[in-house]
Amino acid sequence: MARVIGFELSSQEPEKAAAFYSNVFGWEIAEPIWEYRAVTTGNNDTSGIDGGIGKGPHDFPHGTRIQIEVDSLDQALSKAKNNGAMILRDKMEFDDFYLAYLVDPVGIGFGLIQFKNKR
């Protein structure tokens, strides 16, 4: 079963969004890497998920998406497409993980992530 492991807040003003969430909720916001700021929402003693704030691309300029961890990104992409999803960003490779962005059949955007080394 795939789990939601994080969230992304997309904004055309990510520094302003980061200041808001830090000031209002006390979230720890890391320095940006590739215009993406990692967000820590609490300590490991409480339930919840962490995420990030980034500058949204032209096709997803603002909003929230969840990140779902899968065992095989290729299989999940195929299954999602066969069930009516549209792929916005096909499989991208990063140092520790693979990532893709999709929109489900009703228009909800989400990310799929596969870690290279199982956590």
N, C-alpha and C. Protein backbone atom coordinates (compact mmCIF):
# COMPACT_ATOMS: atom_id res chain seq x y z
N MET A 1 0.84 -1.17 0.00
CA MET A 1 0.00 0.00 0.00
C MET A 1 0.89 1.24 0.00
N ALA A 2 0.58 2.18 -0.84
CA ALA A 2 1.35 3.42 -0.92
C ALA A 2 0.90 4.40 0.16
N ARG A 3 1.87 5.12 0.74
CA ARG A 3 1.57 6.06 1.82
C ARG A 3 1.88 7.49 1.40
N VAL A 4 1.08 8.41 1.94
CA VAL A 4 1.39 9.83 1.78
C VAL A 4 2.55 10.12 2.72
N ILE A 5 3.65 10.64 2.17
CA ILE A 5 4.83 10.88 3.01
C ILE A 5 5.21 12.35 3.09
N GLY A 6 4.52 13.20 2.34
CA GLY A 6 4.88 14.61 2.40
C GLY A 6 3.90 15.45 1.61
N PHE A 7 4.17 16.74 1.60
CA PHE A 7 3.35 17.68 0.85
C PHE A 7 4.24 18.71 0.20
N GLU A 8 3.72 19.36 -0.82
CA GLU A 8 4.40 20.48 -1.47
C GLU A 8 3.42 21.63 -1.56
N LEU A 9 3.85 22.79 -1.15
CA LEU A 9 3.09 24.01 -1.34
C LEU A 9 3.76 24.78 -2.47
N SER A 10 3.04 24.98 -3.56
CA SER A 10 3.59 25.69 -4.71
C SER A 10 3.12 27.14 -4.67
N SER A 11 4.03 28.05 -4.94
CA SER A 11 3.72 29.47 -4.90
C SER A 11 4.62 30.22 -5.87
N GLN A 12 4.14 31.31 -6.39
CA GLN A 12 4.98 32.18 -7.20
C GLN A 12 5.81 33.11 -6.31
N GLU A 13 5.52 33.10 -5.00
CA GLU A 13 6.27 33.86 -4.01
C GLU A 13 6.65 32.94 -2.84
N PRO A 14 7.53 31.95 -3.10
CA PRO A 14 7.83 30.96 -2.07
C PRO A 14 8.44 31.55 -0.80
N GLU A 15 9.21 32.63 -0.92
CA GLU A 15 9.80 33.22 0.28
C GLU A 15 8.72 33.82 1.19
N LYS A 16 7.70 34.40 0.59
CA LYS A 16 6.58 34.96 1.35
C LYS A 16 5.77 33.83 2.00
N ALA A 17 5.54 32.75 1.26
CA ALA A 17 4.83 31.60 1.81
C ALA A 17 5.61 30.99 2.97
N ALA A 18 6.93 30.86 2.80
CA ALA A 18 7.77 30.29 3.86
C ALA A 18 7.69 31.13 5.12
N ALA A 19 7.75 32.43 4.98
CA ALA A 19 7.66 33.32 6.15
C ALA A 19 6.31 33.17 6.84
N PHE A 20 5.23 33.08 6.06
CA PHE A 20 3.90 32.92 6.64
C PHE A 20 3.81 31.65 7.48
N TYR A 21 4.15 30.50 6.91
CA TYR A 21 4.00 29.23 7.62
C TYR A 21 4.95 29.12 8.81
N SER A 22 6.10 29.71 8.69
CA SER A 22 7.04 29.74 9.81
C SER A 22 6.49 30.60 10.95
N ASN A 23 6.01 31.79 10.62
CA ASN A 23 5.50 32.70 11.64
C ASN A 23 4.20 32.23 12.28
N VAL A 24 3.29 31.67 11.49
CA VAL A 24 1.99 31.27 12.01
C VAL A 24 2.04 29.93 12.74
N PHE A 25 2.74 28.94 12.17
CA PHE A 25 2.72 27.58 12.71
C PHE A 25 4.02 27.14 13.36
N GLY A 26 5.06 27.95 13.25
CA GLY A 26 6.35 27.58 13.83
C GLY A 26 7.11 26.53 13.04
N TRP A 27 6.73 26.32 11.79
CA TRP A 27 7.43 25.34 10.96
C TRP A 27 8.85 25.78 10.71
N GLU A 28 9.76 24.82 10.69
CA GLU A 28 11.16 25.10 10.36
C GLU A 28 11.31 25.01 8.84
N ILE A 29 11.80 26.07 8.24
CA ILE A 29 11.95 26.14 6.79
C ILE A 29 13.44 26.21 6.46
N ALA A 30 13.91 25.25 5.66
CA ALA A 30 15.33 25.20 5.28
C ALA A 30 15.63 26.23 4.19
N GLU A 31 16.89 26.52 4.03
CA GLU A 31 17.33 27.38 2.93
C GLU A 31 16.98 26.69 1.61
N PRO A 32 16.66 27.46 0.58
CA PRO A 32 16.23 26.85 -0.68
C PRO A 32 17.36 26.13 -1.43
N ILE A 33 16.98 25.03 -2.05
CA ILE A 33 17.82 24.30 -2.99
C ILE A 33 16.96 24.14 -4.24
N TRP A 34 17.40 24.67 -5.37
CA TRP A 34 16.63 24.66 -6.62
C TRP A 34 15.25 25.28 -6.40
N GLU A 35 15.18 26.35 -5.66
CA GLU A 35 13.93 27.06 -5.36
C GLU A 35 12.94 26.20 -4.58
N TYR A 36 13.42 25.19 -3.86
CA TYR A 36 12.60 24.32 -3.04
C TYR A 36 13.11 24.38 -1.61
N ARG A 37 12.22 24.66 -0.68
CA ARG A 37 12.58 24.76 0.74
C ARG A 37 11.96 23.60 1.50
N ALA A 38 12.77 22.75 2.10
CA ALA A 38 12.25 21.66 2.91
C ALA A 38 11.58 22.23 4.16
N VAL A 39 10.47 21.61 4.56
CA VAL A 39 9.69 22.08 5.70
C VAL A 39 9.59 20.96 6.74
N THR A 40 9.91 21.29 7.99
CA THR A 40 9.73 20.38 9.11
C THR A 40 8.57 20.93 9.93
N THR A 41 7.53 20.11 10.10
CA THR A 41 6.33 20.58 10.78
C THR A 41 6.26 20.18 12.25
N GLY A 42 7.18 19.36 12.70
CA GLY A 42 7.18 18.93 14.10
C GLY A 42 8.31 17.97 14.34
N ASN A 43 8.38 17.45 15.55
CA ASN A 43 9.44 16.49 15.86
C ASN A 43 8.94 15.07 15.63
N ASN A 44 9.82 14.12 15.76
CA ASN A 44 9.47 12.72 15.50
C ASN A 44 8.60 12.11 16.58
N ASP A 45 8.34 12.83 17.67
CA ASP A 45 7.51 12.30 18.75
C ASP A 45 6.02 12.50 18.49
N THR A 46 5.68 13.26 17.45
CA THR A 46 4.28 13.51 17.14
C THR A 46 3.96 13.01 15.74
N SER A 47 2.69 12.70 15.52
CA SER A 47 2.31 12.25 14.19
C SER A 47 2.25 13.45 13.25
N GLY A 48 2.33 13.18 11.98
CA GLY A 48 2.29 14.24 10.98
C GLY A 48 3.30 13.99 9.90
N ILE A 49 3.30 14.85 8.90
CA ILE A 49 4.23 14.72 7.79
C ILE A 49 4.93 16.05 7.55
N ASP A 50 6.11 15.96 6.98
CA ASP A 50 6.86 17.14 6.59
C ASP A 50 6.66 17.35 5.09
N GLY A 51 7.22 18.41 4.58
CA GLY A 51 7.03 18.68 3.17
C GLY A 51 7.98 19.72 2.66
N GLY A 52 7.48 20.59 1.80
CA GLY A 52 8.32 21.61 1.22
C GLY A 52 7.50 22.72 0.60
N ILE A 53 8.17 23.83 0.35
CA ILE A 53 7.59 24.98 -0.32
C ILE A 53 8.48 25.30 -1.51
N GLY A 54 7.88 25.41 -2.68
CA GLY A 54 8.67 25.69 -3.87
C GLY A 54 7.98 26.65 -4.80
N LYS A 55 8.76 27.19 -5.71
CA LYS A 55 8.19 28.06 -6.73
C LYS A 55 7.48 27.18 -7.74
N GLY A 56 6.20 27.41 -7.91
CA GLY A 56 5.41 26.59 -8.81
C GLY A 56 5.73 26.85 -10.27
N PRO A 57 5.72 25.80 -11.10
CA PRO A 57 5.94 25.96 -12.53
C PRO A 57 4.72 26.57 -13.20
N HIS A 58 4.83 26.92 -14.46
CA HIS A 58 3.73 27.57 -15.18
C HIS A 58 2.46 26.73 -15.18
N ASP A 59 2.57 25.39 -15.17
CA ASP A 59 1.38 24.55 -15.22
C ASP A 59 0.86 24.16 -13.84
N PHE A 60 1.53 24.57 -12.78
CA PHE A 60 1.06 24.35 -11.41
C PHE A 60 1.60 25.51 -10.58
N PRO A 61 1.13 26.76 -10.87
CA PRO A 61 1.74 27.95 -10.27
C PRO A 61 1.51 28.10 -8.77
N HIS A 62 0.42 27.54 -8.26
CA HIS A 62 0.15 27.63 -6.82
C HIS A 62 -0.79 26.50 -6.42
N GLY A 63 -0.75 26.15 -5.17
CA GLY A 63 -1.61 25.08 -4.66
C GLY A 63 -0.82 24.10 -3.81
N THR A 64 -1.49 23.03 -3.45
CA THR A 64 -0.91 22.01 -2.58
C THR A 64 -1.02 20.65 -3.26
N ARG A 65 0.04 19.86 -3.18
CA ARG A 65 -0.03 18.48 -3.64
C ARG A 65 0.63 17.58 -2.61
N ILE A 66 0.10 16.38 -2.54
CA ILE A 66 0.69 15.39 -1.66
C ILE A 66 1.74 14.60 -2.43
N GLN A 67 2.65 13.99 -1.70
CA GLN A 67 3.65 13.10 -2.27
C GLN A 67 3.34 11.69 -1.77
N ILE A 68 3.21 10.76 -2.69
CA ILE A 68 2.88 9.37 -2.35
C ILE A 68 4.10 8.51 -2.68
N GLU A 69 4.56 7.77 -1.68
CA GLU A 69 5.71 6.87 -1.88
C GLU A 69 5.23 5.56 -2.47
N VAL A 70 5.92 5.10 -3.53
CA VAL A 70 5.60 3.83 -4.18
C VAL A 70 6.87 2.99 -4.27
N ASP A 71 6.68 1.67 -4.39
CA ASP A 71 7.82 0.77 -4.53
C ASP A 71 8.43 0.84 -5.93
N SER A 72 7.58 1.02 -6.94
CA SER A 72 8.05 1.09 -8.33
C SER A 72 7.35 2.26 -9.02
N LEU A 73 8.10 3.30 -9.31
CA LEU A 73 7.52 4.46 -9.98
C LEU A 73 7.02 4.09 -11.37
N ASP A 74 7.77 3.27 -12.09
CA ASP A 74 7.35 2.88 -13.44
C ASP A 74 6.00 2.15 -13.42
N GLN A 75 5.83 1.22 -12.49
CA GLN A 75 4.56 0.49 -12.39
C GLN A 75 3.43 1.41 -11.97
N ALA A 76 3.69 2.29 -11.02
CA ALA A 76 2.65 3.21 -10.55
C ALA A 76 2.23 4.17 -11.66
N LEU A 77 3.19 4.67 -12.46
CA LEU A 77 2.86 5.55 -13.57
C LEU A 77 2.00 4.83 -14.60
N SER A 78 2.35 3.62 -14.93
CA SER A 78 1.59 2.84 -15.90
C SER A 78 0.17 2.60 -15.39
N LYS A 79 0.04 2.20 -14.16
CA LYS A 79 -1.27 1.93 -13.57
C LYS A 79 -2.11 3.21 -13.50
N ALA A 80 -1.48 4.32 -13.13
CA ALA A 80 -2.20 5.59 -13.05
C ALA A 80 -2.70 6.01 -14.43
N LYS A 81 -1.84 5.91 -15.45
CA LYS A 81 -2.26 6.26 -16.82
C LYS A 81 -3.41 5.38 -17.28
N ASN A 82 -3.32 4.09 -17.00
CA ASN A 82 -4.38 3.16 -17.40
C ASN A 82 -5.70 3.44 -16.69
N ASN A 83 -5.63 4.18 -15.59
CA ASN A 83 -6.84 4.51 -14.84
C ASN A 83 -7.23 5.98 -15.01
N GLY A 84 -6.72 6.63 -16.05
CA GLY A 84 -7.18 7.95 -16.41
C GLY A 84 -6.35 9.13 -15.95
N ALA A 85 -5.20 8.91 -15.34
CA ALA A 85 -4.35 10.02 -14.90
C ALA A 85 -3.59 10.61 -16.08
N MET A 86 -3.23 11.88 -15.95
CA MET A 86 -2.40 12.56 -16.93
C MET A 86 -1.05 12.84 -16.27
N ILE A 87 0.03 12.53 -16.95
CA ILE A 87 1.36 12.76 -16.41
C ILE A 87 1.81 14.17 -16.79
N LEU A 88 2.08 14.99 -15.77
CA LEU A 88 2.58 16.35 -16.00
C LEU A 88 4.09 16.38 -16.15
N ARG A 89 4.78 15.65 -15.28
CA ARG A 89 6.24 15.53 -15.32
C ARG A 89 6.56 14.04 -15.21
N ASP A 90 7.11 13.49 -16.27
CA ASP A 90 7.46 12.07 -16.25
C ASP A 90 8.60 11.84 -15.27
N LYS A 91 8.98 10.64 -15.11
CA LYS A 91 10.00 10.22 -14.14
C LYS A 91 11.25 11.09 -14.23
N MET A 92 11.58 11.72 -13.10
CA MET A 92 12.79 12.54 -12.99
C MET A 92 13.70 11.88 -11.96
N GLU A 93 15.00 11.92 -12.20
CA GLU A 93 15.94 11.31 -11.28
C GLU A 93 16.67 12.37 -10.47
N PHE A 94 16.74 12.14 -9.16
CA PHE A 94 17.49 12.96 -8.23
C PHE A 94 18.49 12.07 -7.52
N ASP A 95 19.32 12.62 -6.67
CA ASP A 95 20.37 11.83 -6.01
C ASP A 95 19.82 10.59 -5.31
N ASP A 96 18.77 10.76 -4.51
CA ASP A 96 18.28 9.67 -3.66
C ASP A 96 16.92 9.11 -4.05
N PHE A 97 16.28 9.69 -5.05
CA PHE A 97 14.92 9.26 -5.37
C PHE A 97 14.56 9.59 -6.82
N TYR A 98 13.44 9.00 -7.25
CA TYR A 98 12.81 9.33 -8.53
C TYR A 98 11.48 10.00 -8.20
N LEU A 99 11.04 10.93 -9.06
CA LEU A 99 9.84 11.70 -8.79
C LEU A 99 9.08 11.95 -10.08
N ALA A 100 7.76 11.94 -10.01
CA ALA A 100 6.91 12.28 -11.15
C ALA A 100 5.69 13.03 -10.61
N TYR A 101 5.10 13.87 -11.46
CA TYR A 101 3.90 14.61 -11.09
C TYR A 101 2.77 14.22 -12.03
N LEU A 102 1.59 14.02 -11.46
CA LEU A 102 0.42 13.60 -12.22
C LEU A 102 -0.80 14.42 -11.82
N VAL A 103 -1.85 14.28 -12.62
CA VAL A 103 -3.17 14.80 -12.29
C VAL A 103 -4.13 13.64 -12.43
N ASP A 104 -4.94 13.42 -11.40
CA ASP A 104 -5.89 12.30 -11.45
C ASP A 104 -7.06 12.65 -12.38
N PRO A 105 -7.97 11.70 -12.64
CA PRO A 105 -9.04 11.95 -13.60
C PRO A 105 -10.00 13.09 -13.23
N VAL A 106 -10.00 13.53 -11.97
CA VAL A 106 -10.88 14.64 -11.59
C VAL A 106 -10.12 15.95 -11.42
N GLY A 107 -8.82 15.96 -11.78
CA GLY A 107 -8.07 17.21 -11.78
C GLY A 107 -7.21 17.48 -10.57
N ILE A 108 -7.06 16.53 -9.67
CA ILE A 108 -6.24 16.72 -8.46
C ILE A 108 -4.80 16.35 -8.77
N GLY A 109 -3.89 17.28 -8.53
CA GLY A 109 -2.47 17.04 -8.76
C GLY A 109 -1.82 16.34 -7.58
N PHE A 110 -0.86 15.46 -7.87
CA PHE A 110 -0.12 14.76 -6.82
C PHE A 110 1.23 14.33 -7.36
N GLY A 111 2.13 13.98 -6.44
CA GLY A 111 3.45 13.50 -6.81
C GLY A 111 3.62 12.05 -6.41
N LEU A 112 4.41 11.33 -7.18
CA LEU A 112 4.81 9.96 -6.84
C LEU A 112 6.32 9.98 -6.63
N ILE A 113 6.77 9.31 -5.58
CA ILE A 113 8.20 9.28 -5.27
C ILE A 113 8.63 7.84 -4.96
N GLN A 114 9.76 7.47 -5.52
CA GLN A 114 10.37 6.16 -5.24
C GLN A 114 11.78 6.42 -4.77
N PHE A 115 12.10 6.01 -3.55
CA PHE A 115 13.45 6.18 -3.03
C PHE A 115 14.34 5.09 -3.60
N LYS A 116 15.58 5.44 -3.91
CA LYS A 116 16.51 4.48 -4.48
C LYS A 116 16.90 3.42 -3.46
N ASN A 117 17.04 3.80 -2.22
CA ASN A 117 17.31 2.85 -1.14
C ASN A 117 16.12 2.86 -0.22
N LYS A 118 15.49 1.71 -0.09
CA LYS A 118 14.29 1.60 0.74
C LYS A 118 14.56 2.13 2.13
N ARG A 119 13.68 3.00 2.61
CA ARG A 119 13.85 3.60 3.93
C ARG A 119 13.35 2.71 5.02
